[in-house]
């Protein structure tokens, strides 16, 4: 039975959990980097990314270094980076 994500109570397959764990460090990665780092077949990684995007846990960002590729990043990191900082 897949584990339940504590953020939005979604059941994720094990491959999606591994991809999400990898992306939790906040570093945006390309599809190829994700595949190489977690050593899962590209087809399975593609499915995992699809499930994570459907559940709103990750987003795709434009890759300015290579426009043919997209970068994947978790949403929590973006929301904390973009949050306005209080000044005294």
Protein backbone atom coordinates (compact mmCIF):
# COMPACT_ATOMS: atom_id res chain seq x y z
CA UNK A 1 0.00 0.00 0.00
CA UNK A 2 1.48 3.38 -1.00
CA UNK A 3 2.37 5.81 1.74
CA UNK A 4 0.24 8.89 2.29
CA UNK A 5 1.90 12.25 1.81
CA UNK A 6 1.47 14.37 4.93
CA UNK A 7 1.11 17.62 2.96
CA UNK A 8 -2.13 16.95 1.10
CA UNK A 9 -3.03 13.37 2.06
CA UNK A 10 -2.31 11.92 -1.39
CA UNK A 11 -1.29 8.32 -1.96
CA UNK A 12 1.91 8.25 -3.99
CA UNK A 13 3.59 5.30 -5.68
CA UNK A 14 7.08 4.43 -4.38
CA UNK A 15 8.75 5.91 -7.46
CA UNK A 16 7.01 9.26 -6.89
CA UNK A 17 8.08 9.21 -3.25
CA UNK A 18 11.71 8.71 -4.28
CA UNK A 19 11.57 11.55 -6.82
CA UNK A 20 9.92 13.85 -4.27
CA UNK A 21 12.55 12.97 -1.66
CA UNK A 22 15.29 13.79 -4.16
CA UNK A 23 13.74 17.15 -5.04
CA UNK A 24 13.10 18.12 -1.39
CA UNK A 25 16.62 19.60 -1.15
CA UNK A 26 15.38 22.53 -3.26
CA UNK A 27 17.80 22.05 -6.14
CA UNK A 28 16.03 22.12 -9.53
CA UNK A 29 16.91 19.11 -11.70
CA UNK A 30 16.37 18.03 -15.27
CA UNK A 31 14.65 14.78 -16.14
CA UNK A 32 18.00 13.23 -16.99
CA UNK A 33 19.53 14.27 -13.66
CA UNK A 34 16.59 12.79 -11.74
CA UNK A 35 16.86 9.53 -13.67
CA UNK A 36 20.60 9.25 -13.04
CA UNK A 37 20.47 10.16 -9.36
CA UNK A 38 17.75 7.74 -8.28
CA UNK A 39 18.65 5.00 -10.76
CA UNK A 40 15.12 4.18 -11.89
CA UNK A 41 14.15 3.59 -15.51
CA UNK A 42 13.20 6.73 -17.46
CA UNK A 43 9.68 5.43 -18.07
CA UNK A 44 9.08 5.01 -14.34
CA UNK A 45 10.54 8.44 -13.56
CA UNK A 46 8.27 9.98 -16.21
CA UNK A 47 5.25 8.36 -14.54
CA UNK A 48 6.42 9.49 -11.09
CA UNK A 49 6.84 13.08 -12.27
CA UNK A 50 3.40 12.97 -13.91
CA UNK A 51 1.79 11.87 -10.62
CA UNK A 52 3.66 14.54 -8.63
CA UNK A 53 2.57 17.27 -11.06
CA UNK A 54 -1.06 16.06 -11.00
CA UNK A 55 -1.06 16.35 -7.20
CA UNK A 56 0.57 19.79 -7.26
CA UNK A 57 3.70 18.74 -5.39
CA UNK A 58 6.24 19.76 -8.03
CA UNK A 59 6.37 22.27 -10.86
CA UNK A 60 8.22 22.59 -14.14
CA UNK A 61 10.49 25.58 -14.59
CA UNK A 62 12.03 26.95 -17.77
CA UNK A 63 15.68 25.99 -18.18
CA UNK A 64 17.58 29.06 -19.37
CA UNK A 65 20.76 27.04 -20.00
CA UNK A 66 19.05 24.59 -22.36
CA UNK A 67 15.55 25.47 -23.54
CA UNK A 68 14.98 21.90 -24.76
CA UNK A 69 14.84 20.66 -21.17
CA UNK A 70 12.69 21.65 -18.23
CA UNK A 71 13.68 21.77 -14.58
CA UNK A 72 11.64 20.11 -11.86
CA UNK A 73 11.40 21.56 -8.38
CA UNK A 74 9.16 21.10 -5.35
CA UNK A 75 6.49 23.70 -4.71
CA UNK A 76 7.38 24.24 -1.02
CA UNK A 77 10.81 25.57 -1.92
CA UNK A 78 9.33 28.10 -4.32
CA UNK A 79 6.75 29.34 -1.87
CA UNK A 80 9.39 29.88 0.83
CA UNK A 81 11.77 31.62 -1.63
CA UNK A 82 9.08 33.91 -3.02
CA UNK A 83 7.54 34.80 0.33
CA UNK A 84 7.92 38.47 1.18
CA UNK A 85 10.48 39.11 3.86
CA UNK A 86 9.49 41.28 6.80
CA UNK A 87 11.78 44.22 7.45
CA UNK A 88 12.06 46.06 10.71
